[in-house]
């Protein structure tokens, strides 16, 4: 039985400030690992509408754009993320 993803969090948030996935009109933003050092470029972004879809891509090596209050968004690798399920 698969459970729903209720949140994705950064394992070690910068400055101890909680971070959450960036949401835009296109959805959650992820970086495709096939682009290597250029996965952070906007042209290489992949967008999904749900946390479940984001978690699936993270399990395949995609990085997730995260942001905390007063911080600039950054792309976080899968090993720096924790997926929390219901």
PDB file of N, CA and C in Angstrom:
ATOM      1  N   UNK A   1       0.840  -1.189   0.000  1.00  0.00           N
ATOM      2  CA  UNK A   1       0.000   0.000   0.000  1.00  0.00           C
ATOM      3  C   UNK A   1       0.882   1.247   0.000  1.00  0.00           C
ATOM      4  N   UNK A   2       0.650   2.147  -0.943  1.00  0.00           N
ATOM      5  CA  UNK A   2       1.405   3.388  -1.026  1.00  0.00           C
ATOM      6  C   UNK A   2       0.687   4.473  -0.243  1.00  0.00           C
ATOM      7  N   UNK A   3       1.458   5.218   0.537  1.00  0.00           N
ATOM      8  CA  UNK A   3       0.866   6.314   1.303  1.00  0.00           C
ATOM      9  C   UNK A   3       1.175   7.643   0.627  1.00  0.00           C
ATOM     10  N   UNK A   4       0.382   8.638   0.945  1.00  0.00           N
ATOM     11  CA  UNK A   4       0.558   9.953   0.357  1.00  0.00           C
ATOM     12  C   UNK A   4       1.705  10.698   1.019  1.00  0.00           C
ATOM     13  N   UNK A   5       2.422  11.468   0.229  1.00  0.00           N
ATOM     14  CA  UNK A   5       3.483  12.318   0.744  1.00  0.00           C
ATOM     15  C   UNK A   5       2.814  13.533   1.383  1.00  0.00           C
ATOM     16  N   UNK A   6       3.144  13.796   2.646  1.00  0.00           N
ATOM     17  CA  UNK A   6       2.559  14.964   3.314  1.00  0.00           C
ATOM     18  C   UNK A   6       3.524  16.140   3.344  1.00  0.00           C
ATOM     19  N   UNK A   7       4.837  15.843   3.241  1.00  0.00           N
ATOM     20  CA  UNK A   7       5.802  16.929   3.114  1.00  0.00           C
ATOM     21  C   UNK A   7       7.157  16.376   2.698  1.00  0.00           C
ATOM     22  N   UNK A   8       7.942  17.272   2.144  1.00  0.00           N
ATOM     23  CA  UNK A   8       9.330  16.966   1.815  1.00  0.00           C
ATOM     24  C   UNK A   8      10.139  18.046   2.509  1.00  0.00           C
ATOM     25  N   UNK A   9      11.121  17.625   3.302  1.00  0.00           N
ATOM     26  CA  UNK A   9      11.888  18.591   4.063  1.00  0.00           C
ATOM     27  C   UNK A   9      13.381  18.412   3.822  1.00  0.00           C
ATOM     28  N   UNK A  10      14.100  19.461   4.082  1.00  0.00           N
ATOM     29  CA  UNK A  10      15.556  19.421   3.952  1.00  0.00           C
ATOM     30  C   UNK A  10      16.125  18.827   5.232  1.00  0.00           C
ATOM     31  N   UNK A  11      17.008  17.857   5.106  1.00  0.00           N
ATOM     32  CA  UNK A  11      17.585  17.167   6.255  1.00  0.00           C
ATOM     33  C   UNK A  11      18.351  18.138   7.150  1.00  0.00           C
ATOM     34  N   UNK A  12      19.173  18.989   6.568  1.00  0.00           N
ATOM     35  CA  UNK A  12      19.964  19.971   7.326  1.00  0.00           C
ATOM     36  C   UNK A  12      19.701  21.362   6.759  1.00  0.00           C
ATOM     37  N   UNK A  13      18.626  22.008   7.225  1.00  0.00           N
ATOM     38  CA  UNK A  13      18.279  23.324   6.679  1.00  0.00           C
ATOM     39  C   UNK A  13      19.356  24.370   6.965  1.00  0.00           C
ATOM     40  N   UNK A  14      19.567  25.252   6.009  1.00  0.00           N
ATOM     41  CA  UNK A  14      20.560  26.327   6.153  1.00  0.00           C
ATOM     42  C   UNK A  14      20.183  27.234   7.313  1.00  0.00           C
ATOM     43  N   UNK A  15      21.121  27.485   8.182  1.00  0.00           N
ATOM     44  CA  UNK A  15      20.886  28.390   9.305  1.00  0.00           C
ATOM     45  C   UNK A  15      19.829  27.911  10.277  1.00  0.00           C
ATOM     46  N   UNK A  16      19.470  26.629  10.197  1.00  0.00           N
ATOM     47  CA  UNK A  16      18.454  26.087  11.097  1.00  0.00           C
ATOM     48  C   UNK A  16      17.041  26.548  10.790  1.00  0.00           C
ATOM     49  N   UNK A  17      16.860  27.242   9.662  1.00  0.00           N
ATOM     50  CA  UNK A  17      15.535  27.749   9.270  1.00  0.00           C
ATOM     51  C   UNK A  17      14.845  26.691   8.412  1.00  0.00           C
ATOM     52  N   UNK A  18      13.638  26.312   8.801  1.00  0.00           N
ATOM     53  CA  UNK A  18      12.884  25.294   8.057  1.00  0.00           C
ATOM     54  C   UNK A  18      12.734  25.714   6.600  1.00  0.00           C
ATOM     55  N   UNK A  19      12.896  24.756   5.706  1.00  0.00           N
ATOM     56  CA  UNK A  19      12.751  25.009   4.276  1.00  0.00           C
ATOM     57  C   UNK A  19      11.664  24.109   3.709  1.00  0.00           C
ATOM     58  N   UNK A  20      11.020  24.611   2.680  1.00  0.00           N
ATOM     59  CA  UNK A  20       9.965  23.841   2.025  1.00  0.00           C
ATOM     60  C   UNK A  20      10.133  23.925   0.516  1.00  0.00           C
ATOM     61  N   UNK A  21       9.517  23.008  -0.210  1.00  0.00           N
ATOM     62  CA  UNK A  21       9.620  23.032  -1.670  1.00  0.00           C
ATOM     63  C   UNK A  21       9.033  24.320  -2.246  1.00  0.00           C
ATOM     64  N   UNK A  22       9.693  24.847  -3.259  1.00  0.00           N
ATOM     65  CA  UNK A  22       9.213  26.047  -3.937  1.00  0.00           C
ATOM     66  C   UNK A  22       8.007  25.669  -4.794  1.00  0.00           C
ATOM     67  N   UNK A  23       6.934  26.456  -4.675  1.00  0.00           N
ATOM     68  CA  UNK A  23       5.729  26.251  -5.487  1.00  0.00           C
ATOM     69  C   UNK A  23       5.569  27.455  -6.400  1.00  0.00           C
ATOM     70  N   UNK A  24       5.334  27.225  -7.681  1.00  0.00           N
ATOM     71  CA  UNK A  24       5.072  28.300  -8.639  1.00  0.00           C
ATOM     72  C   UNK A  24       3.814  27.952  -9.421  1.00  0.00           C
ATOM     73  N   UNK A  25       3.459  28.816 -10.339  1.00  0.00           N
ATOM     74  CA  UNK A  25       2.284  28.559 -11.173  1.00  0.00           C
ATOM     75  C   UNK A  25       2.445  27.275 -11.985  1.00  0.00           C
ATOM     76  N   UNK A  26       3.694  26.869 -12.237  1.00  0.00           N
ATOM     77  CA  UNK A  26       3.956  25.646 -12.984  1.00  0.00           C
ATOM     78  C   UNK A  26       3.997  24.417 -12.080  1.00  0.00           C
ATOM     79  N   UNK A  27       4.114  24.615 -10.776  1.00  0.00           N
ATOM     80  CA  UNK A  27       4.191  23.505  -9.836  1.00  0.00           C
ATOM     81  C   UNK A  27       5.509  23.500  -9.081  1.00  0.00           C
ATOM     82  N   UNK A  28       5.867  22.334  -8.533  1.00  0.00           N
ATOM     83  CA  UNK A  28       7.133  22.175  -7.817  1.00  0.00           C
ATOM     84  C   UNK A  28       8.255  22.038  -8.835  1.00  0.00           C
ATOM     85  N   UNK A  29       9.389  22.680  -8.548  1.00  0.00           N
ATOM     86  CA  UNK A  29      10.510  22.730  -9.486  1.00  0.00           C
ATOM     87  C   UNK A  29      11.600  21.737  -9.084  1.00  0.00           C
ATOM     88  N   UNK A  30      12.005  20.903 -10.040  1.00  0.00           N
ATOM     89  CA  UNK A  30      13.074  19.922  -9.807  1.00  0.00           C
ATOM     90  C   UNK A  30      14.133  20.049 -10.886  1.00  0.00           C
ATOM     91  N   UNK A  31      15.352  19.616 -10.533  1.00  0.00           N
ATOM     92  CA  UNK A  31      16.456  19.610 -11.483  1.00  0.00           C
ATOM     93  C   UNK A  31      16.717  18.197 -11.967  1.00  0.00           C
ATOM     94  N   UNK A  32      16.788  18.025 -13.264  1.00  0.00           N
ATOM     95  CA  UNK A  32      16.992  16.713 -13.886  1.00  0.00           C
ATOM     96  C   UNK A  32      18.473  16.332 -13.813  1.00  0.00           C
ATOM     97  N   UNK A  33      18.809  15.195 -13.198  1.00  0.00           N
ATOM     98  CA  UNK A  33      20.209  14.804 -13.047  1.00  0.00           C
ATOM     99  C   UNK A  33      20.944  14.571 -14.368  1.00  0.00           C
ATOM    100  N   UNK A  34      20.234  14.346 -15.445  1.00  0.00           N
ATOM    101  CA  UNK A  34      20.914  14.105 -16.725  1.00  0.00           C
ATOM    102  C   UNK A  34      21.653  15.346 -17.227  1.00  0.00           C
ATOM    103  N   UNK A  35      21.358  16.526 -16.655  1.00  0.00           N
ATOM    104  CA  UNK A  35      22.030  17.753 -17.063  1.00  0.00           C
ATOM    105  C   UNK A  35      23.239  18.077 -16.188  1.00  0.00           C
ATOM    106  N   UNK A  36      23.566  17.198 -15.255  1.00  0.00           N
ATOM    107  CA  UNK A  36      24.770  17.349 -14.439  1.00  0.00           C
ATOM    108  C   UNK A  36      24.884  18.707 -13.776  1.00  0.00           C
ATOM    109  N   UNK A  37      26.010  19.374 -13.984  1.00  0.00           N
ATOM    110  CA  UNK A  37      26.287  20.661 -13.347  1.00  0.00           C
ATOM    111  C   UNK A  37      25.362  21.779 -13.841  1.00  0.00           C
ATOM    112  N   UNK A  38      24.585  21.526 -14.873  1.00  0.00           N
ATOM    113  CA  UNK A  38      23.672  22.546 -15.400  1.00  0.00           C
ATOM    114  C   UNK A  38      22.213  22.260 -15.057  1.00  0.00           C
ATOM    115  N   UNK A  39      21.981  21.318 -14.145  1.00  0.00           N
ATOM    116  CA  UNK A  39      20.597  20.980 -13.798  1.00  0.00           C
ATOM    117  C   UNK A  39      19.861  22.130 -13.110  1.00  0.00           C
ATOM    118  N   UNK A  40      20.613  23.085 -12.563  1.00  0.00           N
ATOM    119  CA  UNK A  40      19.993  24.212 -11.875  1.00  0.00           C
ATOM    120  C   UNK A  40      19.496  25.298 -12.830  1.00  0.00           C
ATOM    121  N   UNK A  41      19.859  25.225 -14.100  1.00  0.00           N
ATOM    122  CA  UNK A  41      19.422  26.225 -15.072  1.00  0.00           C
ATOM    123  C   UNK A  41      17.923  26.089 -15.343  1.00  0.00           C
ATOM    124  N   UNK A  42      17.252  27.228 -15.479  1.00  0.00           N
ATOM    125  CA  UNK A  42      15.798  27.249 -15.682  1.00  0.00           C
ATOM    126  C   UNK A  42      15.371  26.389 -16.874  1.00  0.00           C
ATOM    127  N   UNK A  43      16.156  26.402 -17.937  1.00  0.00           N
ATOM    128  CA  UNK A  43      15.782  25.643 -19.138  1.00  0.00           C
ATOM    129  C   UNK A  43      15.783  24.129 -18.893  1.00  0.00           C
ATOM    130  N   UNK A  44      16.446  23.680 -17.833  1.00  0.00           N
ATOM    131  CA  UNK A  44      16.525  22.251 -17.518  1.00  0.00           C
ATOM    132  C   UNK A  44      15.592  21.839 -16.372  1.00  0.00           C
ATOM    133  N   UNK A  45      14.724  22.744 -15.963  1.00  0.00           N
ATOM    134  CA  UNK A  45      13.800  22.459 -14.866  1.00  0.00           C
ATOM    135  C   UNK A  45      12.683  21.529 -15.302  1.00  0.00           C
ATOM    136  N   UNK A  46      12.233  20.737 -14.354  1.00  0.00           N
ATOM    137  CA  UNK A  46      11.084  19.850 -14.555  1.00  0.00           C
ATOM    138  C   UNK A  46      10.064  20.254 -13.490  1.00  0.00           C
ATOM    139  N   UNK A  47       8.809  20.390 -13.868  1.00  0.00           N
ATOM    140  CA  UNK A  47       7.767  20.804 -12.930  1.00  0.00           C
ATOM    141  C   UNK A  47       6.731  19.702 -12.761  1.00  0.00           C
ATOM    142  N   UNK A  48       6.283  19.518 -11.515  1.00  0.00           N
ATOM    143  CA  UNK A  48       5.212  18.565 -11.205  1.00  0.00           C
ATOM    144  C   UNK A  48       4.197  19.256 -10.304  1.00  0.00           C
ATOM    145  N   UNK A  49       2.983  18.757 -10.307  1.00  0.00           N
ATOM    146  CA  UNK A  49       1.896  19.406  -9.565  1.00  0.00           C
ATOM    147  C   UNK A  49       1.710  18.890  -8.142  1.00  0.00           C
ATOM    148  N   UNK A  50       2.235  17.706  -7.817  1.00  0.00           N
ATOM    149  CA  UNK A  50       1.988  17.155  -6.483  1.00  0.00           C
ATOM    150  C   UNK A  50       3.288  16.740  -5.799  1.00  0.00           C
ATOM    151  N   UNK A  51       3.242  16.662  -4.478  1.00  0.00           N
ATOM    152  CA  UNK A  51       4.391  16.177  -3.713  1.00  0.00           C
ATOM    153  C   UNK A  51       4.664  14.706  -4.016  1.00  0.00           C
ATOM    154  N   UNK A  52       3.615  13.937  -4.295  1.00  0.00           N
ATOM    155  CA  UNK A  52       3.796  12.530  -4.654  1.00  0.00           C
ATOM    156  C   UNK A  52       4.646  12.405  -5.919  1.00  0.00           C
ATOM    157  N   UNK A  53       4.343  13.234  -6.924  1.00  0.00           N
ATOM    158  CA  UNK A  53       5.125  13.212  -8.167  1.00  0.00           C
ATOM    159  C   UNK A  53       6.564  13.658  -7.897  1.00  0.00           C
ATOM    160  N   UNK A  54       6.720  14.679  -7.062  1.00  0.00           N
ATOM    161  CA  UNK A  54       8.055  15.165  -6.720  1.00  0.00           C
ATOM    162  C   UNK A  54       8.858  14.065  -6.018  1.00  0.00           C
ATOM    163  N   UNK A  55       8.237  13.366  -5.073  1.00  0.00           N
ATOM    164  CA  UNK A  55       8.916  12.292  -4.335  1.00  0.00           C
ATOM    165  C   UNK A  55       9.348  11.171  -5.280  1.00  0.00           C
ATOM    166  N   UNK A  56       8.518  10.864  -6.268  1.00  0.00           N
ATOM    167  CA  UNK A  56       8.858   9.833  -7.249  1.00  0.00           C
ATOM    168  C   UNK A  56      10.114  10.228  -8.025  1.00  0.00           C
ATOM    169  N   UNK A  57      10.185  11.493  -8.459  1.00  0.00           N
ATOM    170  CA  UNK A  57      11.356  11.954  -9.200  1.00  0.00           C
ATOM    171  C   UNK A  57      12.593  12.036  -8.296  1.00  0.00           C
ATOM    172  N   UNK A  58      12.418  12.428  -7.053  1.00  0.00           N
ATOM    173  CA  UNK A  58      13.540  12.470  -6.106  1.00  0.00           C
ATOM    174  C   UNK A  58      14.138  11.080  -5.954  1.00  0.00           C
ATOM    175  N   UNK A  59      13.279  10.061  -5.917  1.00  0.00           N
ATOM    176  CA  UNK A  59      13.773   8.680  -5.790  1.00  0.00           C
ATOM    177  C   UNK A  59      14.567   8.256  -7.035  1.00  0.00           C
ATOM    178  N   UNK A  60      14.417   8.996  -8.137  1.00  0.00           N
ATOM    179  CA  UNK A  60      15.142   8.713  -9.379  1.00  0.00           C
ATOM    180  C   UNK A  60      16.361   9.625  -9.549  1.00  0.00           C
ATOM    181  N   UNK A  61      16.682  10.409  -8.503  1.00  0.00           N
ATOM    182  CA  UNK A  61      17.876  11.234  -8.541  1.00  0.00           C
ATOM    183  C   UNK A  61      17.678  12.706  -8.839  1.00  0.00           C
ATOM    184  N   UNK A  62      16.442  13.145  -8.979  1.00  0.00           N
ATOM    185  CA  UNK A  62      16.177  14.561  -9.242  1.00  0.00           C
ATOM    186  C   UNK A  62      16.395  15.365  -7.957  1.00  0.00           C
ATOM    187  N   UNK A  63      16.832  16.613  -8.121  1.00  0.00           N
ATOM    188  CA  UNK A  63      16.987  17.539  -7.006  1.00  0.00           C
ATOM    189  C   UNK A  63      15.738  18.417  -6.931  1.00  0.00           C
ATOM    190  N   UNK A  64      15.432  18.909  -5.734  1.00  0.00           N
ATOM    191  CA  UNK A  64      14.230  19.712  -5.527  1.00  0.00           C
ATOM    192  C   UNK A  64      14.606  21.118  -5.086  1.00  0.00           C
ATOM    193  N   UNK A  65      13.976  22.124  -5.680  1.00  0.00           N
ATOM    194  CA  UNK A  65      14.223  23.509  -5.289  1.00  0.00           C
ATOM    195  C   UNK A  65      13.479  23.783  -3.982  1.00  0.00           C
ATOM    196  N   UNK A  66      14.252  24.242  -2.976  1.00  0.00           N
ATOM    197  CA  UNK A  66      13.712  24.502  -1.635  1.00  0.00           C
ATOM    198  C   UNK A  66      13.995  25.950  -1.238  1.00  0.00           C
ATOM    199  N   UNK A  67      13.154  26.480  -0.318  1.00  0.00           N
ATOM    200  CA  UNK A  67      13.347  27.851   0.162  1.00  0.00           C
ATOM    201  C   UNK A  67      12.892  27.949   1.613  1.00  0.00           C
ATOM    202  N   UNK A  68      13.549  28.815   2.362  1.00  0.00           N
ATOM    203  CA  UNK A  68      13.178  29.107   3.741  1.00  0.00           C
ATOM    204  C   UNK A  68      12.937  30.600   3.874  1.00  0.00           C
ATOM    205  N   UNK A  69      12.259  31.009   4.918  1.00  0.00           N
ATOM    206  CA  UNK A  69      11.937  32.416   5.129  1.00  0.00           C
ATOM    207  C   UNK A  69      13.218  33.255   5.141  1.00  0.00           C
ATOM    208  N   UNK A  70      13.248  34.286   4.306  1.00  0.00           N
ATOM    209  CA  UNK A  70      14.391  35.179   4.231  1.00  0.00           C
ATOM    210  C   UNK A  70      15.584  34.607   3.488  1.00  0.00           C
ATOM    211  N   UNK A  71      15.395  33.464   2.824  1.00  0.00           N
ATOM    212  CA  UNK A  71      16.488  32.826   2.105  1.00  0.00           C
ATOM    213  C   UNK A  71      16.196  32.767   0.615  1.00  0.00           C
ATOM    214  N   UNK A  72      17.239  32.672  -0.131  1.00  0.00           N
ATOM    215  CA  UNK A  72      17.112  32.482  -1.574  1.00  0.00           C
ATOM    216  C   UNK A  72      16.887  30.995  -1.846  1.00  0.00           C
ATOM    217  N   UNK A  73      16.079  30.675  -2.831  1.00  0.00           N
ATOM    218  CA  UNK A  73      15.810  29.276  -3.170  1.00  0.00           C
ATOM    219  C   UNK A  73      17.085  28.583  -3.634  1.00  0.00           C
ATOM    220  N   UNK A  74      17.205  27.303  -3.312  1.00  0.00           N
ATOM    221  CA  UNK A  74      18.358  26.523  -3.765  1.00  0.00           C
ATOM    222  C   UNK A  74      17.907  25.123  -4.142  1.00  0.00           C
ATOM    223  N   UNK A  75      18.680  24.516  -5.026  1.00  0.00           N
ATOM    224  CA  UNK A  75      18.398  23.161  -5.483  1.00  0.00           C
ATOM    225  C   UNK A  75      19.069  22.189  -4.516  1.00  0.00           C
ATOM    226  N   UNK A  76      18.282  21.289  -3.939  1.00  0.00           N
ATOM    227  CA  UNK A  76      18.786  20.359  -2.929  1.00  0.00           C
ATOM    228  C   UNK A  76      18.789  18.945  -3.510  1.00  0.00           C
ATOM    229  N   UNK A  77      19.923  18.263  -3.370  1.00  0.00           N
ATOM    230  CA  UNK A  77      20.059  16.923  -3.915  1.00  0.00           C
ATOM    231  C   UNK A  77      19.213  15.919  -3.112  1.00  0.00           C
ATOM    232  N   UNK A  78      18.913  14.778  -3.703  1.00  0.00           N
ATOM    233  CA  UNK A  78      18.089  13.769  -3.022  1.00  0.00           C
ATOM    234  C   UNK A  78      18.619  13.352  -1.656  1.00  0.00           C
ATOM    235  N   UNK A  79      19.952  13.254  -1.508  1.00  0.00           N
ATOM    236  CA  UNK A  79      20.510  12.824  -0.218  1.00  0.00           C
ATOM    237  C   UNK A  79      20.295  13.874   0.870  1.00  0.00           C
ATOM    238  N   UNK A  80      19.964  15.102   0.501  1.00  0.00           N
ATOM    239  CA  UNK A  80      19.695  16.159   1.475  1.00  0.00           C
ATOM    240  C   UNK A  80      18.230  16.343   1.779  1.00  0.00           C
ATOM    241  N   UNK A  81      17.384  15.419   1.283  1.00  0.00           N
ATOM    242  CA  UNK A  81      15.934  15.540   1.454  1.00  0.00           C
ATOM    243  C   UNK A  81      15.355  14.353   2.229  1.00  0.00           C
ATOM    244  N   UNK A  82      14.277  14.616   2.932  1.00  0.00           N
ATOM    245  CA  UNK A  82      13.538  13.580   3.639  1.00  0.00           C
ATOM    246  C   UNK A  82      12.078  13.664   3.185  1.00  0.00           C
ATOM    247  N   UNK A  83      11.554  12.556   2.692  1.00  0.00           N
ATOM    248  CA  UNK A  83      10.155  12.496   2.260  1.00  0.00           C
ATOM    249  C   UNK A  83       9.342  11.931   3.420  1.00  0.00           C
ATOM    250  N   UNK A  84       8.316  12.681   3.845  1.00  0.00           N
ATOM    251  CA  UNK A  84       7.459  12.267   4.951  1.00  0.00           C
ATOM    252  C   UNK A  84       6.115  11.830   4.379  1.00  0.00           C
ATOM    253  N   UNK A  85       5.730  10.599   4.706  1.00  0.00           N
ATOM    254  CA  UNK A  85       4.459  10.048   4.195  1.00  0.00           C
ATOM    255  C   UNK A  85       3.443   9.883   5.309  1.00  0.00           C
ATOM    256  N   UNK A  86       2.165   9.944   4.938  1.00  0.00           N
ATOM    257  CA  UNK A  86       1.082   9.796   5.915  1.00  0.00           C
ATOM    258  C   UNK A  86       0.977   8.367   6.388  1.00  0.00           C
TER     259      UNK A  86
END
